[in-house]
Amino acid sequence: MASNYDNSASFYDGLSRAVFGTALVDAQAYFLPRIPAGAKVLIIGGGTGWILEEIAKVHPAGLHLVYVEISAKMMALSRKRNAAANEVEFINQAIENVNYLEYFDVIITPFLFDNYKETTLPLTFDHIHQMLQPGGIWLNTDFQLTGKWWQFVMLKSMLLFFKVLCGVESWRLPHVGKEFERLGYSVKETKLFFKDFVVTRMYRK
């Protein structure tokens, strides 16, 4: 994946809140209470790291968090976050280059897959899938199109903006649900935000 959000690290959260209010934060935080106590959690593409503080509100201790982020500037901001007494391991690489030897109980992918083309997504999906233990949960949050014209306009505007600024390769949303189906995941719960434009789902392997 070529995209790297270094160029947007300084204003990413502010821009997000200006456009979406708290919807993106609320969506990503919605299923955090479902993380089991003592779990080993993989977070991929966590951006500026505020999700570490949201997790700490629910689980102030006992978790082993592995935080993978390709942007060095995003990672630098993430390291300043307060994760309470949870153990956090930071890995500043693309997830495709991360080969972890242990299984995770939970995987979190917040707005990750809209960076991928349909042709490149399956290999990355398979790679992540192999790191989740059987019975583990996968929390995925992303945008979706439900036929409303303004969603299409907003999506195209965002992709163009981040294509120019950060090298995002995709022009459209890949069929993420199809990848989960291909690998045999079941949807346990779905929650919609921002007039159905943002969707978060809990899958079980």
N, C-alpha and C. Protein backbone atom coordinates (compact mmCIF):
# COMPACT_ATOMS: atom_id res chain seq x y z
N MET A 1 0.85 -1.20 0.00
CA MET A 1 0.00 0.00 0.00
C MET A 1 0.88 1.23 0.00
N ALA A 2 0.66 2.14 -0.95
CA ALA A 2 1.54 3.29 -1.11
C ALA A 2 1.15 4.46 -0.23
N SER A 3 -0.09 4.52 0.20
CA SER A 3 -0.55 5.71 0.92
C SER A 3 0.14 5.86 2.28
N ASN A 4 0.44 7.10 2.61
CA ASN A 4 1.08 7.42 3.88
C ASN A 4 0.57 8.77 4.33
N TYR A 5 0.07 8.82 5.57
CA TYR A 5 -0.63 10.02 6.03
C TYR A 5 0.26 11.00 6.78
N ASP A 6 1.57 10.96 6.55
CA ASP A 6 2.47 11.92 7.19
C ASP A 6 2.04 13.37 6.92
N ASN A 7 1.65 13.65 5.68
CA ASN A 7 1.32 15.02 5.29
C ASN A 7 0.06 15.56 5.96
N SER A 8 -0.75 14.67 6.52
CA SER A 8 -1.99 15.13 7.14
C SER A 8 -2.01 14.96 8.65
N ALA A 9 -0.91 14.46 9.22
CA ALA A 9 -0.89 14.13 10.65
C ALA A 9 -1.24 15.32 11.54
N SER A 10 -0.75 16.50 11.18
CA SER A 10 -0.90 17.66 12.06
C SER A 10 -2.35 18.17 12.13
N PHE A 11 -3.14 17.90 11.10
CA PHE A 11 -4.50 18.45 11.09
C PHE A 11 -5.58 17.39 10.89
N TYR A 12 -5.21 16.12 10.85
CA TYR A 12 -6.15 15.05 10.51
C TYR A 12 -7.35 15.01 11.46
N ASP A 13 -7.09 15.00 12.76
CA ASP A 13 -8.18 14.91 13.74
C ASP A 13 -9.08 16.14 13.69
N GLY A 14 -8.48 17.31 13.53
CA GLY A 14 -9.27 18.53 13.46
C GLY A 14 -10.17 18.56 12.23
N LEU A 15 -9.63 18.10 11.10
CA LEU A 15 -10.41 18.04 9.87
C LEU A 15 -11.56 17.04 10.02
N SER A 16 -11.26 15.92 10.63
CA SER A 16 -12.27 14.89 10.85
C SER A 16 -13.44 15.42 11.67
N ARG A 17 -13.11 16.11 12.74
CA ARG A 17 -14.17 16.64 13.61
C ARG A 17 -14.95 17.77 12.93
N ALA A 18 -14.26 18.56 12.11
CA ALA A 18 -14.94 19.64 11.41
C ALA A 18 -15.97 19.11 10.43
N VAL A 19 -15.67 17.99 9.80
CA VAL A 19 -16.56 17.41 8.80
C VAL A 19 -17.61 16.49 9.41
N PHE A 20 -17.17 15.63 10.33
CA PHE A 20 -18.03 14.56 10.83
C PHE A 20 -18.46 14.73 12.29
N GLY A 21 -18.01 15.78 12.96
CA GLY A 21 -18.30 15.90 14.37
C GLY A 21 -17.63 14.76 15.13
N THR A 22 -18.37 14.11 16.01
CA THR A 22 -17.78 13.00 16.78
C THR A 22 -18.11 11.63 16.16
N ALA A 23 -18.72 11.62 14.98
CA ALA A 23 -19.22 10.36 14.41
C ALA A 23 -18.12 9.33 14.20
N LEU A 24 -16.96 9.74 13.70
CA LEU A 24 -15.90 8.78 13.43
C LEU A 24 -15.33 8.21 14.73
N VAL A 25 -15.22 9.06 15.74
CA VAL A 25 -14.75 8.60 17.05
C VAL A 25 -15.78 7.67 17.68
N ASP A 26 -17.03 8.08 17.64
CA ASP A 26 -18.10 7.27 18.23
C ASP A 26 -18.19 5.90 17.58
N ALA A 27 -18.03 5.86 16.27
CA ALA A 27 -18.11 4.59 15.55
C ALA A 27 -16.99 3.64 15.96
N GLN A 28 -15.77 4.17 16.03
CA GLN A 28 -14.63 3.33 16.38
C GLN A 28 -14.66 2.88 17.83
N ALA A 29 -15.28 3.67 18.68
CA ALA A 29 -15.31 3.36 20.11
C ALA A 29 -16.48 2.45 20.49
N TYR A 30 -17.43 2.29 19.59
CA TYR A 30 -18.70 1.64 19.94
C TYR A 30 -18.52 0.22 20.47
N PHE A 31 -17.66 -0.56 19.84
CA PHE A 31 -17.50 -1.96 20.23
C PHE A 31 -16.33 -2.20 21.19
N LEU A 32 -15.65 -1.16 21.61
CA LEU A 32 -14.50 -1.36 22.49
C LEU A 32 -14.86 -2.07 23.80
N PRO A 33 -16.07 -1.87 24.35
CA PRO A 33 -16.44 -2.62 25.56
C PRO A 33 -16.50 -4.13 25.34
N ARG A 34 -16.52 -4.58 24.08
CA ARG A 34 -16.57 -6.02 23.79
C ARG A 34 -15.18 -6.67 23.85
N ILE A 35 -14.15 -5.87 23.97
CA ILE A 35 -12.81 -6.44 24.09
C ILE A 35 -12.70 -7.20 25.40
N PRO A 36 -12.33 -8.49 25.37
CA PRO A 36 -12.24 -9.26 26.61
C PRO A 36 -11.10 -8.76 27.51
N ALA A 37 -11.27 -8.89 28.80
CA ALA A 37 -10.21 -8.54 29.74
C ALA A 37 -8.98 -9.39 29.45
N GLY A 38 -7.81 -8.76 29.52
CA GLY A 38 -6.56 -9.48 29.31
C GLY A 38 -6.27 -9.84 27.87
N ALA A 39 -6.99 -9.26 26.93
CA ALA A 39 -6.86 -9.63 25.52
C ALA A 39 -5.57 -9.07 24.90
N LYS A 40 -5.15 -9.75 23.85
CA LYS A 40 -4.06 -9.28 23.00
C LYS A 40 -4.72 -8.67 21.76
N VAL A 41 -4.48 -7.37 21.55
CA VAL A 41 -5.24 -6.61 20.55
C VAL A 41 -4.31 -6.02 19.50
N LEU A 42 -4.64 -6.22 18.24
CA LEU A 42 -3.90 -5.64 17.12
C LEU A 42 -4.70 -4.48 16.54
N ILE A 43 -4.11 -3.28 16.53
CA ILE A 43 -4.74 -2.10 15.96
C ILE A 43 -3.95 -1.71 14.71
N ILE A 44 -4.63 -1.65 13.57
CA ILE A 44 -3.95 -1.39 12.30
C ILE A 44 -4.42 -0.06 11.73
N GLY A 45 -3.50 0.86 11.53
CA GLY A 45 -3.86 2.16 10.97
C GLY A 45 -4.63 3.02 11.94
N GLY A 46 -4.12 3.13 13.15
CA GLY A 46 -4.83 3.87 14.20
C GLY A 46 -4.67 5.37 14.14
N GLY A 47 -3.92 5.87 13.16
CA GLY A 47 -3.80 7.32 13.00
C GLY A 47 -3.06 7.98 14.15
N THR A 48 -3.66 9.02 14.72
CA THR A 48 -2.99 9.80 15.76
C THR A 48 -3.04 9.14 17.14
N GLY A 49 -3.71 8.02 17.24
CA GLY A 49 -3.64 7.23 18.47
C GLY A 49 -4.67 7.50 19.53
N TRP A 50 -5.66 8.35 19.23
CA TRP A 50 -6.65 8.65 20.26
C TRP A 50 -7.41 7.39 20.69
N ILE A 51 -7.46 6.38 19.83
CA ILE A 51 -8.18 5.16 20.17
C ILE A 51 -7.53 4.45 21.37
N LEU A 52 -6.23 4.67 21.59
CA LEU A 52 -5.57 4.09 22.76
C LEU A 52 -6.18 4.65 24.04
N GLU A 53 -6.51 5.93 24.04
CA GLU A 53 -7.12 6.55 25.22
C GLU A 53 -8.56 6.09 25.40
N GLU A 54 -9.26 5.87 24.29
CA GLU A 54 -10.63 5.36 24.38
C GLU A 54 -10.64 3.94 24.93
N ILE A 55 -9.69 3.13 24.50
CA ILE A 55 -9.58 1.76 25.03
C ILE A 55 -9.27 1.79 26.52
N ALA A 56 -8.38 2.72 26.92
CA ALA A 56 -8.00 2.82 28.34
C ALA A 56 -9.18 3.20 29.23
N LYS A 57 -10.16 3.93 28.68
CA LYS A 57 -11.35 4.27 29.46
C LYS A 57 -12.15 3.02 29.81
N VAL A 58 -12.12 2.04 28.91
CA VAL A 58 -12.88 0.80 29.12
C VAL A 58 -12.04 -0.23 29.86
N HIS A 59 -10.78 -0.34 29.44
CA HIS A 59 -9.84 -1.28 30.04
C HIS A 59 -8.60 -0.50 30.50
N PRO A 60 -8.57 -0.01 31.72
CA PRO A 60 -7.41 0.77 32.17
C PRO A 60 -6.15 -0.05 32.40
N ALA A 61 -6.27 -1.36 32.36
CA ALA A 61 -5.10 -2.21 32.59
C ALA A 61 -5.38 -3.60 32.02
N GLY A 62 -4.29 -4.36 31.81
CA GLY A 62 -4.42 -5.76 31.48
C GLY A 62 -4.37 -6.14 30.02
N LEU A 63 -4.41 -5.15 29.13
CA LEU A 63 -4.38 -5.47 27.70
C LEU A 63 -2.96 -5.38 27.15
N HIS A 64 -2.68 -6.19 26.14
CA HIS A 64 -1.45 -6.07 25.36
C HIS A 64 -1.85 -5.56 23.99
N LEU A 65 -1.53 -4.31 23.71
CA LEU A 65 -1.92 -3.65 22.47
C LEU A 65 -0.73 -3.56 21.52
N VAL A 66 -0.91 -4.03 20.31
CA VAL A 66 0.11 -3.90 19.26
C VAL A 66 -0.43 -2.90 18.25
N TYR A 67 0.25 -1.78 18.13
CA TYR A 67 -0.23 -0.63 17.36
C TYR A 67 0.61 -0.48 16.09
N VAL A 68 0.00 -0.79 14.95
CA VAL A 68 0.70 -0.76 13.67
C VAL A 68 0.24 0.46 12.87
N GLU A 69 1.18 1.31 12.48
CA GLU A 69 0.85 2.54 11.74
C GLU A 69 2.01 2.85 10.80
N ILE A 70 1.71 3.05 9.52
CA ILE A 70 2.75 3.26 8.52
C ILE A 70 3.33 4.67 8.58
N SER A 71 2.56 5.64 9.05
CA SER A 71 3.00 7.03 9.08
C SER A 71 3.84 7.31 10.33
N ALA A 72 5.07 7.74 10.12
CA ALA A 72 5.96 8.04 11.25
C ALA A 72 5.44 9.21 12.07
N LYS A 73 4.83 10.20 11.40
CA LYS A 73 4.31 11.37 12.12
C LYS A 73 3.07 11.00 12.93
N MET A 74 2.23 10.15 12.37
CA MET A 74 1.07 9.66 13.13
C MET A 74 1.56 8.84 14.33
N MET A 75 2.57 8.04 14.11
CA MET A 75 3.11 7.20 15.19
C MET A 75 3.68 8.06 16.31
N ALA A 76 4.37 9.14 15.95
CA ALA A 76 4.94 10.02 16.97
C ALA A 76 3.83 10.62 17.85
N LEU A 77 2.71 10.98 17.24
CA LEU A 77 1.58 11.49 18.01
C LEU A 77 0.97 10.40 18.88
N SER A 78 0.91 9.20 18.34
CA SER A 78 0.31 8.07 19.07
C SER A 78 1.10 7.73 20.32
N ARG A 79 2.40 7.85 20.25
CA ARG A 79 3.26 7.51 21.39
C ARG A 79 3.03 8.44 22.59
N LYS A 80 2.44 9.59 22.34
CA LYS A 80 2.19 10.56 23.42
C LYS A 80 0.85 10.30 24.12
N ARG A 81 0.08 9.36 23.61
CA ARG A 81 -1.24 9.09 24.18
C ARG A 81 -1.13 8.34 25.50
N ASN A 82 -2.14 8.53 26.33
CA ASN A 82 -2.19 7.87 27.62
C ASN A 82 -2.98 6.57 27.50
N ALA A 83 -2.28 5.45 27.52
CA ALA A 83 -2.91 4.14 27.42
C ALA A 83 -3.14 3.52 28.80
N ALA A 84 -3.02 4.34 29.83
CA ALA A 84 -3.16 3.89 31.23
C ALA A 84 -2.13 2.80 31.51
N ALA A 85 -2.55 1.71 32.15
CA ALA A 85 -1.59 0.65 32.52
C ALA A 85 -1.53 -0.47 31.50
N ASN A 86 -2.11 -0.26 30.33
CA ASN A 86 -2.02 -1.28 29.28
C ASN A 86 -0.63 -1.26 28.64
N GLU A 87 -0.19 -2.41 28.21
CA GLU A 87 1.09 -2.52 27.52
C GLU A 87 0.88 -2.22 26.04
N VAL A 88 1.67 -1.30 25.49
CA VAL A 88 1.52 -0.94 24.08
C VAL A 88 2.84 -1.17 23.35
N GLU A 89 2.77 -1.90 22.26
CA GLU A 89 3.93 -2.14 21.40
C GLU A 89 3.68 -1.41 20.08
N PHE A 90 4.54 -0.46 19.75
CA PHE A 90 4.36 0.34 18.54
C PHE A 90 5.20 -0.24 17.40
N ILE A 91 4.58 -0.40 16.23
CA ILE A 91 5.28 -0.89 15.05
C ILE A 91 5.02 0.07 13.90
N ASN A 92 6.05 0.80 13.49
CA ASN A 92 5.93 1.81 12.44
C ASN A 92 6.25 1.19 11.07
N GLN A 93 5.30 0.39 10.59
CA GLN A 93 5.44 -0.28 9.30
C GLN A 93 4.06 -0.46 8.68
N ALA A 94 4.05 -0.80 7.39
CA ALA A 94 2.81 -1.23 6.75
C ALA A 94 2.46 -2.61 7.29
N ILE A 95 1.20 -2.89 7.45
CA ILE A 95 0.78 -4.18 8.02
C ILE A 95 1.26 -5.34 7.16
N GLU A 96 1.41 -5.11 5.86
CA GLU A 96 1.88 -6.17 4.97
C GLU A 96 3.28 -6.66 5.33
N ASN A 97 4.04 -5.81 6.01
CA ASN A 97 5.42 -6.16 6.38
C ASN A 97 5.54 -6.66 7.82
N VAL A 98 4.41 -6.80 8.50
CA VAL A 98 4.42 -7.24 9.89
C VAL A 98 4.06 -8.72 9.95
N ASN A 99 4.97 -9.51 10.49
CA ASN A 99 4.73 -10.94 10.64
C ASN A 99 4.83 -11.29 12.12
N TYR A 100 3.69 -11.31 12.77
CA TYR A 100 3.65 -11.55 14.21
C TYR A 100 3.53 -13.04 14.46
N LEU A 101 4.27 -13.54 15.43
CA LEU A 101 4.31 -14.98 15.68
C LEU A 101 3.21 -15.47 16.61
N GLU A 102 2.54 -14.55 17.28
CA GLU A 102 1.47 -14.93 18.19
C GLU A 102 0.11 -14.52 17.63
N TYR A 103 -0.92 -15.26 18.03
CA TYR A 103 -2.28 -14.91 17.61
C TYR A 103 -2.84 -13.77 18.46
N PHE A 104 -3.74 -13.01 17.86
CA PHE A 104 -4.44 -11.95 18.57
C PHE A 104 -5.86 -12.39 18.90
N ASP A 105 -6.38 -11.87 20.03
CA ASP A 105 -7.76 -12.12 20.41
C ASP A 105 -8.71 -11.16 19.70
N VAL A 106 -8.21 -9.95 19.40
CA VAL A 106 -9.02 -8.90 18.78
C VAL A 106 -8.18 -8.18 17.74
N ILE A 107 -8.78 -7.89 16.59
CA ILE A 107 -8.14 -7.05 15.58
C ILE A 107 -9.06 -5.86 15.32
N ILE A 108 -8.47 -4.66 15.25
CA ILE A 108 -9.22 -3.44 15.00
C ILE A 108 -8.67 -2.78 13.74
N THR A 109 -9.55 -2.55 12.76
CA THR A 109 -9.14 -1.90 11.51
C THR A 109 -10.04 -0.69 11.28
N PRO A 110 -9.63 0.49 11.75
CA PRO A 110 -10.44 1.70 11.60
C PRO A 110 -10.12 2.46 10.30
N PHE A 111 -11.07 2.48 9.38
CA PHE A 111 -10.92 3.22 8.13
C PHE A 111 -9.62 2.84 7.42
N LEU A 112 -9.33 1.56 7.42
CA LEU A 112 -8.09 1.06 6.80
C LEU A 112 -8.30 0.69 5.34
N PHE A 113 -9.38 -0.03 5.06
CA PHE A 113 -9.49 -0.69 3.76
C PHE A 113 -9.91 0.23 2.63
N ASP A 114 -10.37 1.45 2.95
CA ASP A 114 -10.68 2.38 1.86
C ASP A 114 -9.40 2.92 1.22
N ASN A 115 -8.25 2.50 1.74
CA ASN A 115 -6.96 2.86 1.13
C ASN A 115 -6.55 1.88 0.03
N TYR A 116 -7.31 0.80 -0.11
CA TYR A 116 -6.90 -0.28 -1.02
C TYR A 116 -7.76 -0.36 -2.27
N LYS A 117 -7.14 -0.83 -3.34
CA LYS A 117 -7.87 -1.19 -4.54
C LYS A 117 -8.46 -2.58 -4.37
N GLU A 118 -9.48 -2.87 -5.15
CA GLU A 118 -10.12 -4.18 -5.12
C GLU A 118 -9.11 -5.30 -5.40
N THR A 119 -8.12 -5.01 -6.25
CA THR A 119 -7.16 -6.03 -6.65
C THR A 119 -6.10 -6.29 -5.58
N THR A 120 -5.81 -5.31 -4.75
CA THR A 120 -4.75 -5.48 -3.75
C THR A 120 -5.28 -5.89 -2.38
N LEU A 121 -6.59 -5.73 -2.18
CA LEU A 121 -7.17 -5.98 -0.86
C LEU A 121 -7.08 -7.45 -0.40
N PRO A 122 -7.39 -8.45 -1.25
CA PRO A 122 -7.42 -9.83 -0.76
C PRO A 122 -6.12 -10.30 -0.11
N LEU A 123 -4.98 -9.96 -0.67
CA LEU A 123 -3.71 -10.40 -0.08
C LEU A 123 -3.50 -9.82 1.31
N THR A 124 -3.81 -8.55 1.46
CA THR A 124 -3.69 -7.91 2.77
C THR A 124 -4.69 -8.51 3.75
N PHE A 125 -5.90 -8.75 3.28
CA PHE A 125 -6.93 -9.33 4.12
C PHE A 125 -6.50 -10.71 4.63
N ASP A 126 -5.96 -11.53 3.73
CA ASP A 126 -5.50 -12.86 4.13
C ASP A 126 -4.40 -12.77 5.17
N HIS A 127 -3.51 -11.81 4.99
CA HIS A 127 -2.38 -11.64 5.90
C HIS A 127 -2.88 -11.28 7.31
N ILE A 128 -3.83 -10.38 7.39
CA ILE A 128 -4.39 -10.00 8.69
C ILE A 128 -5.17 -11.15 9.30
N HIS A 129 -5.96 -11.80 8.48
CA HIS A 129 -6.80 -12.93 8.92
C HIS A 129 -5.98 -14.00 9.64
N GLN A 130 -4.79 -14.26 9.16
CA GLN A 130 -3.94 -15.30 9.73
C GLN A 130 -3.45 -14.96 11.13
N MET A 131 -3.54 -13.70 11.51
CA MET A 131 -3.05 -13.29 12.82
C MET A 131 -4.12 -13.31 13.91
N LEU A 132 -5.36 -13.59 13.52
CA LEU A 132 -6.47 -13.64 14.48
C LEU A 132 -6.74 -15.08 14.87
N GLN A 133 -6.82 -15.33 16.15
CA GLN A 133 -7.04 -16.70 16.60
C GLN A 133 -8.48 -17.13 16.29
N PRO A 134 -8.71 -18.41 16.11
CA PRO A 134 -10.08 -18.90 15.90
C PRO A 134 -10.98 -18.49 17.05
N GLY A 135 -12.15 -17.96 16.71
CA GLY A 135 -13.07 -17.45 17.72
C GLY A 135 -12.82 -16.01 18.11
N GLY A 136 -11.74 -15.43 17.58
CA GLY A 136 -11.42 -14.04 17.89
C GLY A 136 -12.38 -13.08 17.21
N ILE A 137 -12.37 -11.82 17.65
CA ILE A 137 -13.26 -10.83 17.07
C ILE A 137 -12.47 -9.79 16.27
N TRP A 138 -13.11 -9.31 15.22
CA TRP A 138 -12.51 -8.33 14.31
C TRP A 138 -13.47 -7.14 14.26
N LEU A 139 -13.01 -5.98 14.70
CA LEU A 139 -13.81 -4.76 14.69
C LEU A 139 -13.39 -3.91 13.51
N ASN A 140 -14.29 -3.73 12.56
CA ASN A 140 -13.96 -2.96 11.36
C ASN A 140 -14.91 -1.77 11.21
N THR A 141 -14.33 -0.59 11.00
CA THR A 141 -15.11 0.62 10.80
C THR A 141 -14.71 1.26 9.48
N ASP A 142 -15.69 1.67 8.69
CA ASP A 142 -15.37 2.28 7.41
C ASP A 142 -16.58 3.04 6.88
N PHE A 143 -16.38 3.69 5.75
CA PHE A 143 -17.48 4.35 5.07
C PHE A 143 -18.25 3.34 4.22
N GLN A 144 -19.50 3.68 3.91
CA GLN A 144 -20.27 2.86 3.00
C GLN A 144 -21.21 3.76 2.20
N LEU A 145 -21.57 3.30 1.01
CA LEU A 145 -22.51 4.02 0.17
C LEU A 145 -23.86 3.31 0.22
N THR A 146 -24.90 4.07 0.55
CA THR A 146 -26.24 3.47 0.65
C THR A 146 -27.20 4.07 -0.37
N GLY A 147 -26.65 4.70 -1.41
CA GLY A 147 -27.48 5.23 -2.47
C GLY A 147 -27.81 6.71 -2.35
N LYS A 148 -27.31 7.37 -1.31
CA LYS A 148 -27.58 8.79 -1.13
C LYS A 148 -26.53 9.60 -1.89
N TRP A 149 -26.97 10.55 -2.68
CA TRP A 149 -26.05 11.27 -3.57
C TRP A 149 -24.93 11.98 -2.81
N TRP A 150 -25.25 12.54 -1.64
CA TRP A 150 -24.24 13.30 -0.90
C TRP A 150 -23.12 12.40 -0.38
N GLN A 151 -23.44 11.12 -0.12
CA GLN A 151 -22.40 10.18 0.31
C GLN A 151 -21.36 9.99 -0.79
N PHE A 152 -21.85 9.84 -2.01
CA PHE A 152 -20.95 9.66 -3.15
C PHE A 152 -20.06 10.88 -3.34
N VAL A 153 -20.66 12.06 -3.24
CA VAL A 153 -19.89 13.31 -3.40
C VAL A 153 -18.84 13.44 -2.30
N MET A 154 -19.22 13.17 -1.06
CA MET A 154 -18.27 13.28 0.05
C MET A 154 -17.14 12.27 -0.11
N LEU A 155 -17.49 11.04 -0.48
CA LEU A 155 -16.47 10.01 -0.63
C LEU A 155 -15.46 10.38 -1.72
N LYS A 156 -15.97 10.79 -2.88
CA LYS A 156 -15.06 11.15 -3.98
C LYS A 156 -14.18 12.34 -3.59
N SER A 157 -14.75 13.29 -2.88
CA SER A 157 -13.97 14.46 -2.45
C SER A 157 -12.85 14.04 -1.49
N MET A 158 -13.19 13.15 -0.55
CA MET A 158 -12.18 12.69 0.42
C MET A 158 -11.08 11.90 -0.27
N LEU A 159 -11.47 11.01 -1.17
CA LEU A 159 -10.46 10.19 -1.85
C LEU A 159 -9.55 11.03 -2.72
N LEU A 160 -10.12 12.04 -3.38
CA LEU A 160 -9.30 12.92 -4.20
C LEU A 160 -8.33 13.71 -3.32
N PHE A 161 -8.83 14.24 -2.21
CA PHE A 161 -8.00 15.01 -1.29
C PHE A 161 -6.81 14.19 -0.79
N PHE A 162 -7.10 12.95 -0.33
CA PHE A 162 -6.03 12.14 0.23
C PHE A 162 -5.18 11.47 -0.85
N LYS A 163 -5.70 11.35 -2.05
CA LYS A 163 -4.88 10.85 -3.16
C LYS A 163 -3.78 11.87 -3.48
N VAL A 164 -4.17 13.13 -3.54
CA VAL A 164 -3.20 14.19 -3.84
C VAL A 164 -2.22 14.39 -2.69
N LEU A 165 -2.74 14.40 -1.47
CA LEU A 165 -1.92 14.75 -0.31
C LEU A 165 -1.10 13.57 0.21
N CYS A 166 -1.70 12.36 0.18
CA CYS A 166 -1.09 11.23 0.88
C CYS A 166 -0.84 10.01 -0.01
N GLY A 167 -1.19 10.11 -1.28
CA GLY A 167 -0.92 9.00 -2.18
C GLY A 167 -1.87 7.83 -2.07
N VAL A 168 -3.08 8.06 -1.54
CA VAL A 168 -4.06 6.98 -1.48
C VAL A 168 -4.35 6.49 -2.88
N GLU A 169 -4.32 5.16 -3.07
CA GLU A 169 -4.38 4.61 -4.42
C GLU A 169 -5.79 4.34 -4.92
N SER A 170 -6.77 4.28 -4.03
CA SER A 170 -8.11 3.87 -4.42
C SER A 170 -8.97 5.05 -4.87
N TRP A 171 -9.86 4.79 -5.85
CA TRP A 171 -10.84 5.77 -6.28
C TRP A 171 -12.24 5.40 -5.80
N ARG A 172 -12.40 4.21 -5.22
CA ARG A 172 -13.72 3.76 -4.78
C ARG A 172 -13.56 2.82 -3.59
N LEU A 173 -14.66 2.57 -2.89
CA LEU A 173 -14.61 1.67 -1.75
C LEU A 173 -14.54 0.23 -2.24
N PRO A 174 -13.58 -0.55 -1.73
CA PRO A 174 -13.56 -1.98 -2.09
C PRO A 174 -14.66 -2.73 -1.36
N HIS A 175 -14.98 -3.93 -1.83
CA HIS A 175 -16.05 -4.73 -1.22
C HIS A 175 -15.49 -5.49 -0.02
N VAL A 176 -15.40 -4.79 1.10
CA VAL A 176 -14.83 -5.37 2.30
C VAL A 176 -15.68 -6.52 2.83
N GLY A 177 -17.00 -6.35 2.77
CA GLY A 177 -17.89 -7.40 3.25
C GLY A 177 -17.67 -8.71 2.53
N LYS A 178 -17.36 -8.62 1.25
CA LYS A 178 -17.10 -9.82 0.45
C LYS A 178 -15.87 -10.57 0.95
N GLU A 179 -14.86 -9.83 1.42
CA GLU A 179 -13.65 -10.46 1.93
C GLU A 179 -13.93 -11.19 3.25
N PHE A 180 -14.73 -10.57 4.11
CA PHE A 180 -15.09 -11.24 5.35
C PHE A 180 -15.89 -12.52 5.07
N GLU A 181 -16.81 -12.44 4.10
CA GLU A 181 -17.59 -13.61 3.72
C GLU A 181 -16.70 -14.71 3.15
N ARG A 182 -15.75 -14.33 2.31
CA ARG A 182 -14.85 -15.30 1.69
C ARG A 182 -14.08 -16.10 2.72
N LEU A 183 -13.74 -15.45 3.83
CA LEU A 183 -12.94 -16.11 4.85
C LEU A 183 -13.79 -16.72 5.97
N GLY A 184 -15.10 -16.69 5.79
CA GLY A 184 -15.99 -17.40 6.71
C GLY A 184 -16.34 -16.68 7.99
N TYR A 185 -16.19 -15.36 8.03
CA TYR A 185 -16.55 -14.60 9.23
C TYR A 185 -18.07 -14.44 9.33
N SER A 186 -18.55 -14.34 10.55
CA SER A 186 -19.96 -14.05 10.78
C SER A 186 -20.09 -12.66 11.41
N VAL A 187 -21.08 -11.91 10.96
CA VAL A 187 -21.35 -10.58 11.52
C VAL A 187 -22.13 -10.75 12.81
N LYS A 188 -21.58 -10.28 13.91
CA LYS A 188 -22.24 -10.39 15.20
C LYS A 188 -23.10 -9.17 15.51
N GLU A 189 -22.66 -8.01 15.06
CA GLU A 189 -23.44 -6.80 15.33
C GLU A 189 -22.98 -5.69 14.40
N THR A 190 -23.91 -4.82 14.03
CA THR A 190 -23.63 -3.68 13.16
C THR A 190 -24.22 -2.42 13.76
N LYS A 191 -23.50 -1.31 13.64
CA LYS A 191 -24.00 -0.03 14.12
C LYS A 191 -23.67 1.04 13.08
N LEU A 192 -24.65 1.87 12.74
CA LEU A 192 -24.48 2.90 11.72
C LEU A 192 -24.39 4.29 12.34
N PHE A 193 -23.60 5.15 11.70
CA PHE A 193 -23.40 6.52 12.16
C PHE A 193 -23.45 7.48 10.98
N PHE A 194 -23.60 8.76 11.28
CA PHE A 194 -23.56 9.83 10.28
C PHE A 194 -24.50 9.53 9.11
N LYS A 195 -25.77 9.31 9.45
CA LYS A 195 -26.82 9.04 8.45
C LYS A 195 -26.44 7.86 7.55
N ASP A 196 -25.93 6.82 8.18
CA ASP A 196 -25.60 5.53 7.53
C ASP A 196 -24.34 5.56 6.66
N PHE A 197 -23.63 6.70 6.62
CA PHE A 197 -22.42 6.80 5.80
C PHE A 197 -21.24 6.07 6.46
N VAL A 198 -21.29 5.96 7.78
CA VAL A 198 -20.22 5.30 8.54
C VAL A 198 -20.80 4.04 9.19
N VAL A 199 -20.13 2.93 9.02
CA VAL A 199 -20.60 1.67 9.56
C VAL A 199 -19.49 0.99 10.35
N THR A 200 -19.82 0.48 11.51
CA THR A 200 -18.88 -0.32 12.29
C THR A 200 -19.50 -1.69 12.53
N ARG A 201 -18.71 -2.73 12.36
CA ARG A 201 -19.21 -4.10 12.50
C ARG A 201 -18.27 -4.93 13.35
N MET A 202 -18.87 -5.81 14.11
CA MET A 202 -18.10 -6.79 14.88
C MET A 202 -18.26 -8.14 14.22
N TYR A 203 -17.15 -8.70 13.79
CA TYR A 203 -17.11 -10.01 13.16
C TYR A 203 -16.47 -11.02 14.11
N ARG A 204 -16.84 -12.28 13.95
CA ARG A 204 -16.16 -13.34 14.70
C ARG A 204 -15.60 -14.37 13.72
N LYS A 205 -14.37 -14.77 13.99
CA LYS A 205 -13.70 -15.73 13.13
C LYS A 205 -14.18 -17.15 13.42
